């Protein structure tokens, strides 16, 4: 029985060490994947897409929301027997913008 418990403790310590190693390597694996994505992006865009500071963009969003509600009651004699409510919402959104990517050598310094 004692031998079995010792084996369980050894396996759990071994699994703990493996999990700790994988967690500590997570940052390096993530950076390697991001580096691969960056190199592929630079190859496809000629070095323009992944350059910090080489992108200028601006956008304007106009949003109009119109809500209306109407209630109608049915009057029989002096009493209101029932009512119906109707509501409508109209949303209109216009987006206007531009995006400019500068060549790699022309990116602003600063």
PDB file of N, CA and C in Angstrom:
ATOM      1  N   UNK A   1       0.814  -1.194   0.000  1.00  0.00           N
ATOM      2  CA  UNK A   1       0.000   0.000   0.000  1.00  0.00           C
ATOM      3  C   UNK A   1       0.861   1.262   0.000  1.00  0.00           C
ATOM      4  N   UNK A   2       1.933   1.206   0.780  1.00  0.00           N
ATOM      5  CA  UNK A   2       2.805   2.363   0.887  1.00  0.00           C
ATOM      6  C   UNK A   2       3.524   2.622  -0.445  1.00  0.00           C
ATOM      7  N   UNK A   3       3.911   1.564  -1.127  1.00  0.00           N
ATOM      8  CA  UNK A   3       4.572   1.678  -2.419  1.00  0.00           C
ATOM      9  C   UNK A   3       3.645   2.319  -3.447  1.00  0.00           C
ATOM     10  N   UNK A   4       2.378   1.959  -3.420  1.00  0.00           N
ATOM     11  CA  UNK A   4       1.383   2.505  -4.352  1.00  0.00           C
ATOM     12  C   UNK A   4       1.195   4.015  -4.126  1.00  0.00           C
ATOM     13  N   UNK A   5       1.165   4.437  -2.873  1.00  0.00           N
ATOM     14  CA  UNK A   5       1.019   5.861  -2.555  1.00  0.00           C
ATOM     15  C   UNK A   5       2.237   6.649  -3.020  1.00  0.00           C
ATOM     16  N   UNK A   6       3.408   6.083  -2.868  1.00  0.00           N
ATOM     17  CA  UNK A   6       4.625   6.759  -3.302  1.00  0.00           C
ATOM     18  C   UNK A   6       4.631   6.937  -4.822  1.00  0.00           C
ATOM     19  N   UNK A   7       4.184   5.924  -5.539  1.00  0.00           N
ATOM     20  CA  UNK A   7       4.110   6.027  -7.007  1.00  0.00           C
ATOM     21  C   UNK A   7       3.127   7.123  -7.418  1.00  0.00           C
ATOM     22  N   UNK A   8       1.995   7.215  -6.726  1.00  0.00           N
ATOM     23  CA  UNK A   8       1.008   8.271  -7.034  1.00  0.00           C
ATOM     24  C   UNK A   8       1.599   9.655  -6.795  1.00  0.00           C
ATOM     25  N   UNK A   9       2.339   9.810  -5.702  1.00  0.00           N
ATOM     26  CA  UNK A   9       2.967  11.099  -5.402  1.00  0.00           C
ATOM     27  C   UNK A   9       4.011  11.439  -6.459  1.00  0.00           C
ATOM     28  N   UNK A  10       4.809  10.462  -6.872  1.00  0.00           N
ATOM     29  CA  UNK A  10       5.824  10.710  -7.894  1.00  0.00           C
ATOM     30  C   UNK A  10       5.192  11.105  -9.227  1.00  0.00           C
ATOM     31  N   UNK A  11       4.126  10.421  -9.614  1.00  0.00           N
ATOM     32  CA  UNK A  11       3.442  10.777 -10.860  1.00  0.00           C
ATOM     33  C   UNK A  11       2.822  12.167 -10.779  1.00  0.00           C
ATOM     34  N   UNK A  12       2.218  12.512  -9.652  1.00  0.00           N
ATOM     35  CA  UNK A  12       1.603  13.835  -9.543  1.00  0.00           C
ATOM     36  C   UNK A  12       2.656  14.937  -9.562  1.00  0.00           C
ATOM     37  N   UNK A  13       3.831  14.705  -8.962  1.00  0.00           N
ATOM     38  CA  UNK A  13       4.918  15.694  -9.027  1.00  0.00           C
ATOM     39  C   UNK A  13       5.420  15.817 -10.455  1.00  0.00           C
ATOM     40  N   UNK A  14       5.557  14.696 -11.139  1.00  0.00           N
ATOM     41  CA  UNK A  14       6.005  14.722 -12.533  1.00  0.00           C
ATOM     42  C   UNK A  14       5.012  15.474 -13.414  1.00  0.00           C
ATOM     43  N   UNK A  15       3.741  15.221 -13.243  1.00  0.00           N
ATOM     44  CA  UNK A  15       2.710  15.932 -14.027  1.00  0.00           C
ATOM     45  C   UNK A  15       2.729  17.424 -13.686  1.00  0.00           C
ATOM     46  N   UNK A  16       2.921  17.765 -12.421  1.00  0.00           N
ATOM     47  CA  UNK A  16       3.006  19.173 -12.024  1.00  0.00           C
ATOM     48  C   UNK A  16       4.180  19.880 -12.682  1.00  0.00           C
ATOM     49  N   UNK A  17       5.338  19.204 -12.752  1.00  0.00           N
ATOM     50  CA  UNK A  17       6.512  19.796 -13.408  1.00  0.00           C
ATOM     51  C   UNK A  17       6.258  20.000 -14.893  1.00  0.00           C
ATOM     52  N   UNK A  18       5.618  19.029 -15.545  1.00  0.00           N
ATOM     53  CA  UNK A  18       5.313  19.146 -16.975  1.00  0.00           C
ATOM     54  C   UNK A  18       4.340  20.293 -17.225  1.00  0.00           C
ATOM     55  N   UNK A  19       3.310  20.415 -16.404  1.00  0.00           N
ATOM     56  CA  UNK A  19       2.334  21.506 -16.566  1.00  0.00           C
ATOM     57  C   UNK A  19       3.006  22.848 -16.342  1.00  0.00           C
ATOM     58  N   UNK A  20       3.865  22.963 -15.338  1.00  0.00           N
ATOM     59  CA  UNK A  20       4.572  24.220 -15.081  1.00  0.00           C
ATOM     60  C   UNK A  20       5.470  24.590 -16.257  1.00  0.00           C
ATOM     61  N   UNK A  21       6.140  23.601 -16.849  1.00  0.00           N
ATOM     62  CA  UNK A  21       6.994  23.861 -18.010  1.00  0.00           C
ATOM     63  C   UNK A  21       6.165  24.337 -19.198  1.00  0.00           C
ATOM     64  N   UNK A  22       5.025  23.707 -19.427  1.00  0.00           N
ATOM     65  CA  UNK A  22       4.172  24.132 -20.551  1.00  0.00           C
ATOM     66  C   UNK A  22       3.623  25.535 -20.341  1.00  0.00           C
ATOM     67  N   UNK A  23       3.242  25.861 -19.117  1.00  0.00           N
ATOM     68  CA  UNK A  23       2.721  27.206 -18.843  1.00  0.00           C
ATOM     69  C   UNK A  23       3.818  28.247 -19.033  1.00  0.00           C
ATOM     70  N   UNK A  24       5.039  27.949 -18.596  1.00  0.00           N
ATOM     71  CA  UNK A  24       6.121  28.919 -18.758  1.00  0.00           C
ATOM     72  C   UNK A  24       6.535  29.058 -20.224  1.00  0.00           C
ATOM     73  N   UNK A  25       6.364  28.028 -21.036  1.00  0.00           N
ATOM     74  CA  UNK A  25       6.705  28.108 -22.457  1.00  0.00           C
ATOM     75  C   UNK A  25       5.610  28.756 -23.294  1.00  0.00           C
ATOM     76  N   UNK A  26       4.457  28.987 -22.721  1.00  0.00           N
ATOM     77  CA  UNK A  26       3.328  29.533 -23.464  1.00  0.00           C
ATOM     78  C   UNK A  26       3.666  30.873 -24.110  1.00  0.00           C
ATOM     79  N   UNK A  27       4.388  31.728 -23.412  1.00  0.00           N
ATOM     80  CA  UNK A  27       4.750  33.041 -23.951  1.00  0.00           C
ATOM     81  C   UNK A  27       5.621  32.881 -25.193  1.00  0.00           C
ATOM     82  N   UNK A  28       6.593  31.974 -25.136  1.00  0.00           N
ATOM     83  CA  UNK A  28       7.492  31.781 -26.266  1.00  0.00           C
ATOM     84  C   UNK A  28       6.777  31.191 -27.473  1.00  0.00           C
ATOM     85  N   UNK A  29       5.864  30.274 -27.232  1.00  0.00           N
ATOM     86  CA  UNK A  29       5.096  29.679 -28.333  1.00  0.00           C
ATOM     87  C   UNK A  29       4.218  30.743 -28.989  1.00  0.00           C
ATOM     88  N   UNK A  30       3.588  31.591 -28.160  1.00  0.00           N
ATOM     89  CA  UNK A  30       2.734  32.644 -28.694  1.00  0.00           C
ATOM     90  C   UNK A  30       3.544  33.643 -29.530  1.00  0.00           C
ATOM     91  N   UNK A  31       4.713  34.031 -29.038  1.00  0.00           N
ATOM     92  CA  UNK A  31       5.562  34.968 -29.788  1.00  0.00           C
ATOM     93  C   UNK A  31       6.047  34.356 -31.091  1.00  0.00           C
ATOM     94  N   UNK A  32       6.353  33.069 -31.084  1.00  0.00           N
ATOM     95  CA  UNK A  32       6.788  32.410 -32.316  1.00  0.00           C
ATOM     96  C   UNK A  32       5.668  32.402 -33.347  1.00  0.00           C
ATOM     97  N   UNK A  33       4.439  32.133 -32.909  1.00  0.00           N
ATOM     98  CA  UNK A  33       3.305  32.148 -33.835  1.00  0.00           C
ATOM     99  C   UNK A  33       3.062  33.550 -34.369  1.00  0.00           C
ATOM    100  N   UNK A  34       3.168  34.565 -33.507  1.00  0.00           N
ATOM    101  CA  UNK A  34       2.986  35.946 -33.975  1.00  0.00           C
ATOM    102  C   UNK A  34       4.087  36.337 -34.952  1.00  0.00           C
ATOM    103  N   UNK A  35       5.317  35.873 -34.710  1.00  0.00           N
ATOM    104  CA  UNK A  35       6.412  36.156 -35.642  1.00  0.00           C
ATOM    105  C   UNK A  35       6.179  35.529 -36.998  1.00  0.00           C
ATOM    106  N   UNK A  36       5.654  34.298 -37.006  1.00  0.00           N
ATOM    107  CA  UNK A  36       5.336  33.646 -38.277  1.00  0.00           C
ATOM    108  C   UNK A  36       4.240  34.393 -39.022  1.00  0.00           C
ATOM    109  N   UNK A  37       3.221  34.829 -38.294  1.00  0.00           N
ATOM    110  CA  UNK A  37       2.139  35.598 -38.932  1.00  0.00           C
ATOM    111  C   UNK A  37       2.679  36.903 -39.491  1.00  0.00           C
ATOM    112  N   UNK A  38       3.555  37.566 -38.728  1.00  0.00           N
ATOM    113  CA  UNK A  38       4.124  38.837 -39.190  1.00  0.00           C
ATOM    114  C   UNK A  38       4.961  38.639 -40.443  1.00  0.00           C
ATOM    115  N   UNK A  39       5.786  37.599 -40.476  1.00  0.00           N
ATOM    116  CA  UNK A  39       6.630  37.390 -41.658  1.00  0.00           C
ATOM    117  C   UNK A  39       5.790  37.070 -42.887  1.00  0.00           C
ATOM    118  N   UNK A  40       4.732  36.286 -42.723  1.00  0.00           N
ATOM    119  CA  UNK A  40       3.854  35.993 -43.859  1.00  0.00           C
ATOM    120  C   UNK A  40       3.124  37.261 -44.313  1.00  0.00           C
ATOM    121  N   UNK A  41       2.701  38.088 -43.364  1.00  0.00           N
ATOM    122  CA  UNK A  41       2.013  39.333 -43.717  1.00  0.00           C
ATOM    123  C   UNK A  41       2.942  40.270 -44.458  1.00  0.00           C
ATOM    124  N   UNK A  42       4.195  40.373 -44.008  1.00  0.00           N
ATOM    125  CA  UNK A  42       5.160  41.227 -44.699  1.00  0.00           C
ATOM    126  C   UNK A  42       5.459  40.721 -46.100  1.00  0.00           C
ATOM    127  N   UNK A  43       5.508  39.410 -46.275  1.00  0.00           N
ATOM    128  CA  UNK A  43       5.741  38.862 -47.608  1.00  0.00           C
ATOM    129  C   UNK A  43       4.585  39.193 -48.540  1.00  0.00           C
ATOM    130  N   UNK A  44       3.353  39.073 -48.036  1.00  0.00           N
ATOM    131  CA  UNK A  44       2.194  39.329 -48.894  1.00  0.00           C
ATOM    132  C   UNK A  44       2.016  40.810 -49.211  1.00  0.00           C
ATOM    133  N   UNK A  45       2.375  41.697 -48.270  1.00  0.00           N
ATOM    134  CA  UNK A  45       2.115  43.122 -48.472  1.00  0.00           C
ATOM    135  C   UNK A  45       3.336  43.898 -48.917  1.00  0.00           C
ATOM    136  N   UNK A  46       4.457  43.251 -49.112  1.00  0.00           N
ATOM    137  CA  UNK A  46       5.657  43.967 -49.509  1.00  0.00           C
ATOM    138  C   UNK A  46       6.253  44.777 -48.368  1.00  0.00           C
ATOM    139  N   UNK A  47       6.005  44.417 -47.142  1.00  0.00           N
ATOM    140  CA  UNK A  47       6.560  45.105 -45.990  1.00  0.00           C
ATOM    141  C   UNK A  47       5.779  46.313 -45.535  1.00  0.00           C
ATOM    142  N   UNK A  48       4.586  46.512 -46.039  1.00  0.00           N
ATOM    143  CA  UNK A  48       3.834  47.721 -45.688  1.00  0.00           C
ATOM    144  C   UNK A  48       2.818  47.497 -44.587  1.00  0.00           C
ATOM    145  N   UNK A  49       2.284  46.306 -44.441  1.00  0.00           N
ATOM    146  CA  UNK A  49       1.132  46.115 -43.569  1.00  0.00           C
ATOM    147  C   UNK A  49       1.489  46.031 -42.091  1.00  0.00           C
ATOM    148  N   UNK A  50       2.689  45.597 -41.746  1.00  0.00           N
ATOM    149  CA  UNK A  50       2.981  45.353 -40.344  1.00  0.00           C
ATOM    150  C   UNK A  50       4.003  46.351 -39.816  1.00  0.00           C
ATOM    151  N   UNK A  51       3.963  47.558 -40.317  1.00  0.00           N
ATOM    152  CA  UNK A  51       4.914  48.563 -39.897  1.00  0.00           C
ATOM    153  C   UNK A  51       4.251  49.508 -38.906  1.00  0.00           C
ATOM    154  N   UNK A  52       4.730  49.593 -37.676  1.00  0.00           N
ATOM    155  CA  UNK A  52       4.083  50.473 -36.704  1.00  0.00           C
ATOM    156  C   UNK A  52       4.230  51.931 -37.098  1.00  0.00           C
ATOM    157  N   UNK A  53       3.193  52.685 -36.993  1.00  0.00           N
ATOM    158  CA  UNK A  53       3.214  54.104 -37.326  1.00  0.00           C
ATOM    159  C   UNK A  53       3.040  54.409 -38.800  1.00  0.00           C
ATOM    160  N   UNK A  54       2.901  53.391 -39.639  1.00  0.00           N
ATOM    161  CA  UNK A  54       2.786  53.622 -41.074  1.00  0.00           C
ATOM    162  C   UNK A  54       1.346  53.604 -41.537  1.00  0.00           C
ATOM    163  N   UNK A  55       0.402  53.622 -40.628  1.00  0.00           N
ATOM    164  CA  UNK A  55      -0.998  53.566 -41.015  1.00  0.00           C
ATOM    165  C   UNK A  55      -1.720  54.787 -40.469  1.00  0.00           C
ATOM    166  N   UNK A  56      -2.403  55.482 -41.344  1.00  0.00           N
ATOM    167  CA  UNK A  56      -3.250  56.606 -40.953  1.00  0.00           C
ATOM    168  C   UNK A  56      -4.683  56.249 -41.291  1.00  0.00           C
ATOM    169  N   UNK A  57      -5.573  56.458 -40.358  1.00  0.00           N
ATOM    170  CA  UNK A  57      -6.968  56.177 -40.651  1.00  0.00           C
ATOM    171  C   UNK A  57      -7.841  57.114 -39.837  1.00  0.00           C
ATOM    172  N   UNK A  58      -9.023  57.353 -40.374  1.00  0.00           N
ATOM    173  CA  UNK A  58     -10.015  58.170 -39.677  1.00  0.00           C
ATOM    174  C   UNK A  58     -11.390  57.689 -40.116  1.00  0.00           C
ATOM    175  N   UNK A  59     -12.347  57.787 -39.221  1.00  0.00           N
ATOM    176  CA  UNK A  59     -13.697  57.400 -39.581  1.00  0.00           C
ATOM    177  C   UNK A  59     -14.693  58.250 -38.813  1.00  0.00           C
ATOM    178  N   UNK A  60     -15.844  58.456 -39.426  1.00  0.00           N
ATOM    179  CA  UNK A  60     -16.933  59.213 -38.822  1.00  0.00           C
ATOM    180  C   UNK A  60     -18.177  58.337 -38.896  1.00  0.00           C
ATOM    181  N   UNK A  61     -18.868  58.189 -37.773  1.00  0.00           N
ATOM    182  CA  UNK A  61     -20.079  57.385 -37.728  1.00  0.00           C
ATOM    183  C   UNK A  61     -21.228  58.286 -37.316  1.00  0.00           C
ATOM    184  N   UNK A  62     -22.235  58.385 -38.170  1.00  0.00           N
ATOM    185  CA  UNK A  62     -23.462  59.120 -37.858  1.00  0.00           C
ATOM    186  C   UNK A  62     -24.549  58.083 -37.606  1.00  0.00           C
ATOM    187  N   UNK A  63     -25.206  58.203 -36.459  1.00  0.00           N
ATOM    188  CA  UNK A  63     -26.242  57.236 -36.122  1.00  0.00           C
ATOM    189  C   UNK A  63     -27.497  57.983 -35.715  1.00  0.00           C
ATOM    190  N   UNK A  64     -28.595  57.612 -36.318  1.00  0.00           N
ATOM    191  CA  UNK A  64     -29.887  58.218 -36.017  1.00  0.00           C
ATOM    192  C   UNK A  64     -30.833  57.118 -35.568  1.00  0.00           C
ATOM    193  N   UNK A  65     -31.445  57.315 -34.400  1.00  0.00           N
ATOM    194  CA  UNK A  65     -32.400  56.354 -33.876  1.00  0.00           C
ATOM    195  C   UNK A  65     -33.722  57.073 -33.669  1.00  0.00           C
ATOM    196  N   UNK A  66     -34.783  56.564 -34.279  1.00  0.00           N
ATOM    197  CA  UNK A  66     -36.115  57.134 -34.137  1.00  0.00           C
ATOM    198  C   UNK A  66     -37.017  56.052 -33.545  1.00  0.00           C
ATOM    199  N   UNK A  67     -37.639  56.351 -32.398  1.00  0.00           N
ATOM    200  CA  UNK A  67     -38.555  55.411 -31.768  1.00  0.00           C
ATOM    201  C   UNK A  67     -39.921  56.066 -31.652  1.00  0.00           C
ATOM    202  N   UNK A  68     -40.940  55.283 -31.933  1.00  0.00           N
ATOM    203  CA  UNK A  68     -42.300  55.805 -31.799  1.00  0.00           C
ATOM    204  C   UNK A  68     -43.180  54.726 -31.181  1.00  0.00           C
ATOM    205  N   UNK A  69     -44.110  55.173 -30.341  1.00  0.00           N
ATOM    206  CA  UNK A  69     -45.024  54.257 -29.660  1.00  0.00           C
ATOM    207  C   UNK A  69     -46.433  54.822 -29.767  1.00  0.00           C
ATOM    208  N   UNK A  70     -47.378  53.955 -30.060  1.00  0.00           N
ATOM    209  CA  UNK A  70     -48.775  54.380 -30.142  1.00  0.00           C
ATOM    210  C   UNK A  70     -49.635  53.399 -29.364  1.00  0.00           C
ATOM    211  N   UNK A  71     -50.586  53.917 -28.584  1.00  0.00           N
ATOM    212  CA  UNK A  71     -51.512  53.075 -27.820  1.00  0.00           C
ATOM    213  C   UNK A  71     -52.934  53.380 -28.264  1.00  0.00           C
ATOM    214  N   UNK A  72     -53.721  52.334 -28.417  1.00  0.00           N
ATOM    215  CA  UNK A  72     -55.114  52.491 -28.821  1.00  0.00           C
ATOM    216  C   UNK A  72     -55.968  51.721 -27.818  1.00  0.00           C
ATOM    217  N   UNK A  73     -56.983  52.379 -27.254  1.00  0.00           N
ATOM    218  CA  UNK A  73     -57.892  51.722 -26.324  1.00  0.00           C
ATOM    219  C   UNK A  73     -59.277  51.612 -26.936  1.00  0.00           C
ATOM    220  N   UNK A  74     -59.964  50.519 -26.645  1.00  0.00           N
ATOM    221  CA  UNK A  74     -61.330  50.320 -27.143  1.00  0.00           C
ATOM    222  C   UNK A  74     -62.279  50.720 -26.018  1.00  0.00           C
ATOM    223  N   UNK A  75     -63.110  51.716 -26.262  1.00  0.00           N
ATOM    224  CA  UNK A  75     -64.030  52.225 -25.256  1.00  0.00           C
ATOM    225  C   UNK A  75     -65.432  51.714 -25.565  1.00  0.00           C
ATOM    226  N   UNK A  76     -66.017  51.062 -24.587  1.00  0.00           N
ATOM    227  CA  UNK A  76     -67.394  50.609 -24.692  1.00  0.00           C
ATOM    228  C   UNK A  76     -68.149  51.282 -23.553  1.00  0.00           C
ATOM    229  N   UNK A  77     -68.962  52.217 -23.911  1.00  0.00           N
ATOM    230  CA  UNK A  77     -69.692  52.973 -22.883  1.00  0.00           C
ATOM    231  C   UNK A  77     -68.715  53.859 -22.115  1.00  0.00           C
ATOM    232  N   UNK A  78     -68.710  53.675 -20.797  1.00  0.00           N
ATOM    233  CA  UNK A  78     -67.806  54.458 -19.963  1.00  0.00           C
ATOM    234  C   UNK A  78     -66.523  53.714 -19.623  1.00  0.00           C
ATOM    235  N   UNK A  79     -66.382  52.511 -20.108  1.00  0.00           N
ATOM    236  CA  UNK A  79     -65.225  51.698 -19.750  1.00  0.00           C
ATOM    237  C   UNK A  79     -64.291  51.465 -20.946  1.00  0.00           C
ATOM    238  N   UNK A  80     -63.030  51.323 -20.641  1.00  0.00           N
ATOM    239  CA  UNK A  80     -62.053  50.939 -21.656  1.00  0.00           C
ATOM    240  C   UNK A  80     -61.885  49.428 -21.545  1.00  0.00           C
ATOM    241  N   UNK A  81     -62.256  48.703 -22.603  1.00  0.00           N
ATOM    242  CA  UNK A  81     -62.281  47.247 -22.577  1.00  0.00           C
ATOM    243  C   UNK A  81     -60.916  46.619 -22.897  1.00  0.00           C
ATOM    244  N   UNK A  82     -60.140  47.218 -23.706  1.00  0.00           N
ATOM    245  CA  UNK A  82     -58.857  46.627 -24.088  1.00  0.00           C
ATOM    246  C   UNK A  82     -57.972  47.690 -24.713  1.00  0.00           C
ATOM    247  N   UNK A  83     -56.743  47.371 -24.851  1.00  0.00           N
ATOM    248  CA  UNK A  83     -55.839  48.324 -25.486  1.00  0.00           C
ATOM    249  C   UNK A  83     -54.792  47.554 -26.295  1.00  0.00           C
ATOM    250  N   UNK A  84     -54.262  48.233 -27.263  1.00  0.00           N
ATOM    251  CA  UNK A  84     -53.205  47.669 -28.096  1.00  0.00           C
ATOM    252  C   UNK A  84     -52.089  48.704 -28.185  1.00  0.00           C
ATOM    253  N   UNK A  85     -50.882  48.250 -28.037  1.00  0.00           N
ATOM    254  CA  UNK A  85     -49.725  49.137 -28.110  1.00  0.00           C
ATOM    255  C   UNK A  85     -48.865  48.702 -29.266  1.00  0.00           C
ATOM    256  N   UNK A  86     -48.427  49.683 -30.017  1.00  0.00           N
ATOM    257  CA  UNK A  86     -47.560  49.425 -31.161  1.00  0.00           C
ATOM    258  C   UNK A  86     -46.326  50.305 -31.021  1.00  0.00           C
ATOM    259  N   UNK A  87     -45.166  49.725 -31.238  1.00  0.00           N
ATOM    260  CA  UNK A  87     -43.939  50.522 -31.185  1.00  0.00           C
ATOM    261  C   UNK A  87     -43.070  50.168 -32.377  1.00  0.00           C
ATOM    262  N   UNK A  88     -42.313  51.149 -32.821  1.00  0.00           N
ATOM    263  CA  UNK A  88     -41.424  50.947 -33.966  1.00  0.00           C
ATOM    264  C   UNK A  88     -40.106  51.657 -33.694  1.00  0.00           C
ATOM    265  N   UNK A  89     -39.030  51.058 -34.141  1.00  0.00           N
ATOM    266  CA  UNK A  89     -37.701  51.638 -34.000  1.00  0.00           C
ATOM    267  C   UNK A  89     -37.046  51.643 -35.370  1.00  0.00           C
ATOM    268  N   UNK A  90     -36.498  52.784 -35.727  1.00  0.00           N
ATOM    269  CA  UNK A  90     -35.813  52.926 -37.005  1.00  0.00           C
ATOM    270  C   UNK A  90     -34.389  53.380 -36.708  1.00  0.00           C
ATOM    271  N   UNK A  91     -33.413  52.598 -37.116  1.00  0.00           N
ATOM    272  CA  UNK A  91     -32.007  52.920 -36.887  1.00  0.00           C
ATOM    273  C   UNK A  91     -31.334  53.075 -38.240  1.00  0.00           C
ATOM    274  N   UNK A  92     -30.639  54.186 -38.387  1.00  0.00           N
ATOM    275  CA  UNK A  92     -29.899  54.435 -39.620  1.00  0.00           C
ATOM    276  C   UNK A  92     -28.472  54.796 -39.229  1.00  0.00           C
ATOM    277  N   UNK A  93     -27.505  54.115 -39.827  1.00  0.00           N
ATOM    278  CA  UNK A  93     -26.112  54.370 -39.491  1.00  0.00           C
ATOM    279  C   UNK A  93     -25.323  54.566 -40.772  1.00  0.00           C
ATOM    280  N   UNK A  94     -24.593  55.661 -40.835  1.00  0.00           N
ATOM    281  CA  UNK A  94     -23.723  55.957 -41.973  1.00  0.00           C
ATOM    282  C   UNK A  94     -22.281  55.991 -41.469  1.00  0.00           C
ATOM    283  N   UNK A  95     -21.406  55.269 -42.140  1.00  0.00           N
ATOM    284  CA  UNK A  95     -19.998  55.245 -41.768  1.00  0.00           C
ATOM    285  C   UNK A  95     -19.179  55.755 -42.939  1.00  0.00           C
ATOM    286  N   UNK A  96     -18.291  56.671 -42.640  1.00  0.00           N
ATOM    287  CA  UNK A  96     -17.456  57.260 -43.671  1.00  0.00           C
ATOM    288  C   UNK A  96     -16.030  57.258 -43.149  1.00  0.00           C
ATOM    289  N   UNK A  97     -15.086  56.791 -43.935  1.00  0.00           N
ATOM    290  CA  UNK A  97     -13.722  56.754 -43.435  1.00  0.00           C
ATOM    291  C   UNK A  97     -12.720  56.524 -44.531  1.00  0.00           C
ATOM    292  N   UNK A  98     -11.456  56.679 -44.156  1.00  0.00           N
ATOM    293  CA  UNK A  98     -10.378  56.403 -45.095  1.00  0.00           C
ATOM    294  C   UNK A  98      -9.243  55.738 -44.337  1.00  0.00           C
ATOM    295  N   UNK A  99      -8.415  55.041 -45.075  1.00  0.00           N
ATOM    296  CA  UNK A  99      -7.256  54.386 -44.495  1.00  0.00           C
ATOM    297  C   UNK A  99      -6.111  54.502 -45.479  1.00  0.00           C
ATOM    298  N   UNK A 100      -4.961  54.901 -44.981  1.00  0.00           N
ATOM    299  CA  UNK A 100      -3.800  55.089 -45.833  1.00  0.00           C
ATOM    300  C   UNK A 100      -2.629  54.355 -45.199  1.00  0.00           C
ATOM    301  N   UNK A 101      -1.937  53.551 -45.991  1.00  0.00           N
ATOM    302  CA  UNK A 101      -0.760  52.841 -45.510  1.00  0.00           C
ATOM    303  C   UNK A 101       0.442  53.394 -46.256  1.00  0.00           C
ATOM    304  N   UNK A 102       1.379  53.917 -45.482  1.00  0.00           N
ATOM    305  CA  UNK A 102       2.579  54.499 -46.064  1.00  0.00           C
ATOM    306  C   UNK A 102       3.589  53.402 -46.389  1.00  0.00           C
ATOM    307  N   UNK A 103       4.469  53.644 -47.357  1.00  0.00           N
ATOM    308  CA  UNK A 103       5.532  52.664 -47.610  1.00  0.00           C
ATOM    309  C   UNK A 103       6.448  52.555 -46.393  1.00  0.00           C
ATOM    310  N   UNK A 104       7.193  51.467 -46.294  1.00  0.00           N
ATOM    311  CA  UNK A 104       7.986  51.196 -45.104  1.00  0.00           C
ATOM    312  C   UNK A 104       9.025  52.284 -44.859  1.00  0.00           C
ATOM    313  N   UNK A 105       9.677  52.801 -45.885  1.00  0.00           N
ATOM    314  CA  UNK A 105      10.696  53.829 -45.703  1.00  0.00           C
ATOM    315  C   UNK A 105      10.144  55.185 -45.353  1.00  0.00           C
ATOM    316  N   UNK A 106       8.856  55.425 -45.607  1.00  0.00           N
ATOM    317  CA  UNK A 106       8.265  56.742 -45.396  1.00  0.00           C
ATOM    318  C   UNK A 106       7.526  56.843 -44.078  1.00  0.00           C
ATOM    319  N   UNK A 107       7.680  55.876 -43.201  1.00  0.00           N
ATOM    320  CA  UNK A 107       6.945  55.940 -41.949  1.00  0.00           C
ATOM    321  C   UNK A 107       7.511  57.036 -41.063  1.00  0.00           C
ATOM    322  N   UNK A 108       6.662  57.731 -40.334  1.00  0.00           N
ATOM    323  CA  UNK A 108       7.104  58.855 -39.519  1.00  0.00           C
ATOM    324  C   UNK A 108       7.995  58.385 -38.363  1.00  0.00           C
ATOM    325  N   UNK A 109       8.993  59.176 -38.064  1.00  0.00           N
ATOM    326  CA  UNK A 109       9.890  58.878 -36.942  1.00  0.00           C
ATOM    327  C   UNK A 109       9.460  59.715 -35.745  1.00  0.00           C
ATOM    328  N   UNK A 110       9.529  59.153 -34.585  1.00  0.00           N
ATOM    329  CA  UNK A 110       9.178  60.003 -33.446  1.00  0.00           C
ATOM    330  C   UNK A 110       8.806  59.235 -32.311  1.00  0.00           C
TER     331      UNK A 110
END
